[in-house]
Amino acid sequence: MFPQGLFDTRSPLAGFDDAVAHYRCLSTTETGRRAVHELREFLDDRVAYVRSRNKL
């Protein structure tokens, strides 16, 4: 599941915005692998933010 607003509307990945796809299907194309990579980076940043806020 990709969150809404993750990708710029001009990006080749914009089609994944607010979409659901199987990881197995995504891993078969370069665009799908890039989308998964971007999602992982986004989630890592969010987890790091939440962890830093909980230390206060």
N, C-alpha and C. Protein backbone atom coordinates (compact mmCIF):
# COMPACT_ATOMS: atom_id res chain seq x y z
N MET A 1 0.85 -1.17 0.00
CA MET A 1 0.00 0.00 0.00
C MET A 1 0.89 1.24 0.00
N PHE A 2 0.68 2.09 -0.95
CA PHE A 2 1.43 3.33 -1.05
C PHE A 2 0.55 4.48 -0.54
N PRO A 3 1.10 5.32 0.34
CA PRO A 3 0.30 6.44 0.85
C PRO A 3 0.06 7.51 -0.22
N GLN A 4 -1.01 8.22 -0.04
CA GLN A 4 -1.34 9.32 -0.94
C GLN A 4 -0.31 10.42 -0.77
N GLY A 5 0.14 10.98 -1.88
CA GLY A 5 1.08 12.10 -1.82
C GLY A 5 2.53 11.70 -1.71
N LEU A 6 2.84 10.42 -1.77
CA LEU A 6 4.24 9.98 -1.64
C LEU A 6 5.05 10.40 -2.86
N PHE A 7 4.46 10.33 -4.04
CA PHE A 7 5.17 10.62 -5.27
C PHE A 7 4.67 11.90 -5.91
N ASP A 8 5.60 12.64 -6.48
CA ASP A 8 5.27 13.85 -7.22
C ASP A 8 4.40 13.47 -8.42
N THR A 9 3.43 14.30 -8.75
CA THR A 9 2.52 13.99 -9.86
C THR A 9 3.24 13.93 -11.20
N ARG A 10 4.41 14.54 -11.30
CA ARG A 10 5.19 14.51 -12.55
C ARG A 10 6.17 13.35 -12.59
N SER A 11 6.26 12.60 -11.52
CA SER A 11 7.20 11.48 -11.42
C SER A 11 6.68 10.26 -12.19
N PRO A 12 7.57 9.46 -12.73
CA PRO A 12 7.14 8.21 -13.36
C PRO A 12 6.49 7.26 -12.35
N LEU A 13 6.69 7.52 -11.07
CA LEU A 13 6.13 6.68 -10.02
C LEU A 13 4.76 7.16 -9.56
N ALA A 14 4.26 8.23 -10.14
CA ALA A 14 2.99 8.82 -9.72
C ALA A 14 1.82 7.84 -9.80
N GLY A 15 1.88 6.89 -10.67
CA GLY A 15 0.82 5.91 -10.80
C GLY A 15 0.67 5.02 -9.57
N PHE A 16 1.70 4.97 -8.75
CA PHE A 16 1.64 4.17 -7.53
C PHE A 16 1.05 4.95 -6.36
N ASP A 17 0.88 6.25 -6.52
CA ASP A 17 0.36 7.09 -5.45
C ASP A 17 -1.03 6.60 -5.01
N ASP A 18 -1.19 6.35 -3.72
CA ASP A 18 -2.46 5.91 -3.14
C ASP A 18 -2.95 4.62 -3.81
N ALA A 19 -2.01 3.70 -4.05
CA ALA A 19 -2.34 2.45 -4.75
C ALA A 19 -1.91 1.24 -3.91
N VAL A 20 -2.45 0.11 -4.27
CA VAL A 20 -2.11 -1.15 -3.63
C VAL A 20 -1.57 -2.08 -4.71
N ALA A 21 -0.48 -2.77 -4.41
CA ALA A 21 0.08 -3.72 -5.37
C ALA A 21 0.79 -4.83 -4.61
N HIS A 22 0.89 -5.98 -5.23
CA HIS A 22 1.63 -7.09 -4.64
C HIS A 22 3.13 -6.83 -4.78
N TYR A 23 3.88 -7.09 -3.72
CA TYR A 23 5.33 -6.93 -3.78
C TYR A 23 5.91 -7.79 -4.90
N ARG A 24 5.41 -8.99 -5.02
CA ARG A 24 5.90 -9.90 -6.06
C ARG A 24 5.74 -9.28 -7.46
N CYS A 25 4.65 -8.61 -7.68
CA CYS A 25 4.43 -7.96 -8.97
C CYS A 25 5.35 -6.74 -9.13
N LEU A 26 5.48 -5.96 -8.08
CA LEU A 26 6.33 -4.77 -8.14
C LEU A 26 7.78 -5.12 -8.42
N SER A 27 8.23 -6.24 -7.88
CA SER A 27 9.64 -6.60 -8.01
C SER A 27 10.02 -7.06 -9.42
N THR A 28 9.06 -7.16 -10.32
CA THR A 28 9.36 -7.62 -11.67
C THR A 28 9.76 -6.50 -12.62
N THR A 29 9.60 -5.24 -12.21
CA THR A 29 9.97 -4.12 -13.08
C THR A 29 10.86 -3.15 -12.34
N GLU A 30 11.65 -2.42 -13.08
CA GLU A 30 12.53 -1.41 -12.48
C GLU A 30 11.70 -0.32 -11.79
N THR A 31 10.62 0.10 -12.43
CA THR A 31 9.76 1.13 -11.84
C THR A 31 9.15 0.65 -10.53
N GLY A 32 8.70 -0.58 -10.51
CA GLY A 32 8.14 -1.15 -9.28
C GLY A 32 9.18 -1.23 -8.17
N ARG A 33 10.38 -1.64 -8.52
CA ARG A 33 11.45 -1.71 -7.51
C ARG A 33 11.80 -0.32 -6.99
N ARG A 34 11.78 0.68 -7.86
CA ARG A 34 12.04 2.07 -7.42
C ARG A 34 10.94 2.54 -6.47
N ALA A 35 9.70 2.20 -6.79
CA ALA A 35 8.58 2.60 -5.93
C ALA A 35 8.71 1.97 -4.55
N VAL A 36 9.08 0.71 -4.50
CA VAL A 36 9.27 0.02 -3.21
C VAL A 36 10.42 0.67 -2.45
N HIS A 37 11.49 1.00 -3.14
CA HIS A 37 12.63 1.66 -2.50
C HIS A 37 12.21 3.00 -1.89
N GLU A 38 11.48 3.78 -2.64
CA GLU A 38 11.00 5.08 -2.14
C GLU A 38 10.08 4.90 -0.93
N LEU A 39 9.22 3.91 -0.98
CA LEU A 39 8.32 3.65 0.14
C LEU A 39 9.11 3.26 1.38
N ARG A 40 10.10 2.40 1.21
CA ARG A 40 10.93 1.99 2.36
C ARG A 40 11.66 3.18 2.98
N GLU A 41 12.20 4.05 2.13
CA GLU A 41 12.87 5.25 2.65
C GLU A 41 11.89 6.12 3.42
N PHE A 42 10.70 6.30 2.89
CA PHE A 42 9.67 7.10 3.55
C PHE A 42 9.34 6.50 4.91
N LEU A 43 9.12 5.18 4.95
CA LEU A 43 8.77 4.52 6.21
C LEU A 43 9.91 4.57 7.21
N ASP A 44 11.13 4.40 6.75
CA ASP A 44 12.29 4.50 7.65
C ASP A 44 12.37 5.89 8.28
N ASP A 45 12.13 6.92 7.47
CA ASP A 45 12.14 8.29 7.98
C ASP A 45 11.04 8.51 9.01
N ARG A 46 9.86 7.97 8.75
CA ARG A 46 8.75 8.12 9.69
C ARG A 46 9.03 7.40 11.00
N VAL A 47 9.58 6.19 10.92
CA VAL A 47 9.92 5.43 12.14
C VAL A 47 10.97 6.17 12.93
N ALA A 48 11.98 6.70 12.27
CA ALA A 48 13.03 7.45 12.96
C ALA A 48 12.44 8.68 13.64
N TYR A 49 11.52 9.36 12.97
CA TYR A 49 10.88 10.53 13.56
C TYR A 49 10.09 10.16 14.81
N VAL A 50 9.30 9.12 14.71
CA VAL A 50 8.49 8.70 15.87
C VAL A 50 9.39 8.29 17.03
N ARG A 51 10.43 7.55 16.74
CA ARG A 51 11.36 7.14 17.80
C ARG A 51 12.02 8.35 18.47
N SER A 52 12.39 9.34 17.67
CA SER A 52 13.03 10.52 18.24
C SER A 52 12.05 11.31 19.11
N ARG A 53 10.78 11.33 18.73
CA ARG A 53 9.77 12.04 19.52
C ARG A 53 9.49 11.33 20.83
N ASN A 54 9.58 10.02 20.85
CA ASN A 54 9.31 9.25 22.06
C ASN A 54 10.44 9.36 23.08
N LYS A 55 11.59 9.86 22.69
CA LYS A 55 12.72 10.01 23.62
C LYS A 55 12.61 11.29 24.43
N LEU A 56 11.71 12.16 24.06
CA LEU A 56 11.57 13.44 24.79
C LEU A 56 10.97 13.25 26.15
